[in-house]
Amino acid sequence: MVGDAILEVTGAYRINYFMGGNSEPVLHAHIVPRYLSEPDVFRKGGPWSYPDSFKESNSFDFERDRSLIGEIGLAIQKRL
């Protein structure tokens, strides 16, 4: 449901799901939209394949991303 909502809102062509829980006894998940505009070398790898400079300049910012959060929330609500 969350992946479908992110696809709808972002226009991504695919979603990558990463689940973990090895280091802590809790589920840890990443739901990552992927875009055809990404260079192949990065798009075909996990999000951690990007250089640190890219990750730092594209990290989450609550104020900048507020409208995106709202749009994803509405898209999830439609699916409930």
C-alpha atoms as a PDB file:
ATOM      1  CA  MET A   1       0.000   0.000   0.000  1.00  0.00           C
ATOM      2  CA  VAL A   2       2.753   2.463   0.900  1.00  0.00           C
ATOM      3  CA  GLY A   3       4.793   1.566  -2.190  1.00  0.00           C
ATOM      4  CA  ASP A   4       1.755   2.062  -4.438  1.00  0.00           C
ATOM      5  CA  ALA A   5       1.058   5.436  -2.823  1.00  0.00           C
ATOM      6  CA  ILE A   6       4.672   6.525  -3.368  1.00  0.00           C
ATOM      7  CA  LEU A   7       4.529   5.407  -7.012  1.00  0.00           C
ATOM      8  CA  GLU A   8       1.359   7.431  -7.532  1.00  0.00           C
ATOM      9  CA  VAL A   9       2.703  10.601  -5.930  1.00  0.00           C
ATOM     10  CA  THR A  10       6.279  10.583  -7.230  1.00  0.00           C
ATOM     11  CA  GLY A  11       5.853   9.194 -10.739  1.00  0.00           C
ATOM     12  CA  ALA A  12       8.670   6.725 -10.064  1.00  0.00           C
ATOM     13  CA  TYR A  13       8.817   3.697 -12.346  1.00  0.00           C
ATOM     14  CA  ARG A  14       9.621   1.175  -9.620  1.00  0.00           C
ATOM     15  CA  ILE A  15       9.883   0.793  -5.848  1.00  0.00           C
ATOM     16  CA  ASN A  16      12.687  -0.963  -3.980  1.00  0.00           C
ATOM     17  CA  TYR A  17      11.862  -2.504  -0.603  1.00  0.00           C
ATOM     18  CA  PHE A  18      14.631  -3.179   1.887  1.00  0.00           C
ATOM     19  CA  MET A  19      13.824  -4.977   5.121  1.00  0.00           C
ATOM     20  CA  GLY A  20      16.186  -5.571   7.992  1.00  0.00           C
ATOM     21  CA  GLY A  21      16.204  -6.559  11.586  1.00  0.00           C
ATOM     22  CA  ASN A  22      19.517  -8.278  12.133  1.00  0.00           C
ATOM     23  CA  SER A  23      21.176  -5.776  14.457  1.00  0.00           C
ATOM     24  CA  GLU A  24      18.068  -4.927  16.507  1.00  0.00           C
ATOM     25  CA  PRO A  25      15.084  -7.160  17.327  1.00  0.00           C
ATOM     26  CA  VAL A  26      12.705  -4.889  15.361  1.00  0.00           C
ATOM     27  CA  LEU A  27      11.678  -4.642  11.730  1.00  0.00           C
ATOM     28  CA  HIS A  28      13.466  -1.860   9.876  1.00  0.00           C
ATOM     29  CA  ALA A  29      12.204  -0.973   6.390  1.00  0.00           C
ATOM     30  CA  HIS A  30      13.163   1.358   3.551  1.00  0.00           C
ATOM     31  CA  ILE A  31      10.703   1.996   0.722  1.00  0.00           C
ATOM     32  CA  VAL A  32      12.631   3.727  -2.056  1.00  0.00           C
ATOM     33  CA  PRO A  33      11.213   5.126  -5.302  1.00  0.00           C
ATOM     34  CA  ARG A  34      13.461   4.573  -8.320  1.00  0.00           C
ATOM     35  CA  TYR A  35      13.490   6.732 -11.438  1.00  0.00           C
ATOM     36  CA  LEU A  36      14.476   6.096 -15.043  1.00  0.00           C
ATOM     37  CA  SER A  37      16.458   9.341 -14.880  1.00  0.00           C
ATOM     38  CA  GLU A  38      18.922   7.782 -12.411  1.00  0.00           C
ATOM     39  CA  PRO A  39      22.268   6.744 -13.914  1.00  0.00           C
ATOM     40  CA  ASP A  40      22.239   2.960 -14.524  1.00  0.00           C
ATOM     41  CA  VAL A  41      25.210   2.396 -12.230  1.00  0.00           C
ATOM     42  CA  PHE A  42      23.171   3.761  -9.295  1.00  0.00           C
ATOM     43  CA  ARG A  43      19.618   2.815 -10.341  1.00  0.00           C
ATOM     44  CA  LYS A  44      20.515  -0.864 -10.592  1.00  0.00           C
ATOM     45  CA  GLY A  45      22.054  -0.846  -7.102  1.00  0.00           C
ATOM     46  CA  GLY A  46      20.621  -0.038  -3.719  1.00  0.00           C
ATOM     47  CA  PRO A  47      20.226   3.547  -2.572  1.00  0.00           C
ATOM     48  CA  TRP A  48      23.472   3.169  -0.636  1.00  0.00           C
ATOM     49  CA  SER A  49      25.338   2.883  -3.968  1.00  0.00           C
ATOM     50  CA  TYR A  50      25.141   6.671  -4.445  1.00  0.00           C
ATOM     51  CA  PRO A  51      28.161   8.721  -3.364  1.00  0.00           C
ATOM     52  CA  ASP A  52      27.966  10.367   0.070  1.00  0.00           C
ATOM     53  CA  SER A  53      27.867  13.842  -1.496  1.00  0.00           C
ATOM     54  CA  PHE A  54      24.626  12.949  -3.305  1.00  0.00           C
ATOM     55  CA  LYS A  55      23.058  11.429  -0.184  1.00  0.00           C
ATOM     56  CA  GLU A  56      23.911  14.468   1.915  1.00  0.00           C
ATOM     57  CA  SER A  57      22.486  16.948  -0.594  1.00  0.00           C
ATOM     58  CA  ASN A  58      19.285  14.907  -1.006  1.00  0.00           C
ATOM     59  CA  SER A  59      18.587  13.958   2.594  1.00  0.00           C
ATOM     60  CA  PHE A  60      15.157  14.413   4.144  1.00  0.00           C
ATOM     61  CA  ASP A  61      14.166  17.947   5.073  1.00  0.00           C
ATOM     62  CA  PHE A  62      10.827  18.269   6.876  1.00  0.00           C
ATOM     63  CA  GLU A  63      10.076  21.796   5.705  1.00  0.00           C
ATOM     64  CA  ARG A  64      11.060  21.159   2.081  1.00  0.00           C
ATOM     65  CA  ASP A  65       9.278  17.778   1.997  1.00  0.00           C
ATOM     66  CA  ARG A  66       6.123  18.760   3.911  1.00  0.00           C
ATOM     67  CA  SER A  67       3.877  18.778   0.817  1.00  0.00           C
ATOM     68  CA  LEU A  68       5.257  15.422  -0.348  1.00  0.00           C
ATOM     69  CA  ILE A  69       4.487  13.938   3.073  1.00  0.00           C
ATOM     70  CA  GLY A  70       0.920  15.235   2.808  1.00  0.00           C
ATOM     71  CA  GLU A  71       0.443  13.863  -0.705  1.00  0.00           C
ATOM     72  CA  ILE A  72       1.717  10.424   0.302  1.00  0.00           C
ATOM     73  CA  GLY A  73      -0.555  10.482   3.358  1.00  0.00           C
ATOM     74  CA  LEU A  74      -3.605  11.252   1.186  1.00  0.00           C
ATOM     75  CA  ALA A  75      -2.653   8.528  -1.299  1.00  0.00           C
ATOM     76  CA  ILE A  76      -2.399   6.018   1.578  1.00  0.00           C
ATOM     77  CA  GLN A  77      -5.767   7.143   2.978  1.00  0.00           C
ATOM     78  CA  LYS A  78      -7.371   6.432  -0.420  1.00  0.00           C
ATOM     79  CA  ARG A  79      -6.154   2.857  -0.121  1.00  0.00           C
ATOM     80  CA  LEU A  80      -7.444   2.152   3.389  1.00  0.00           C
END
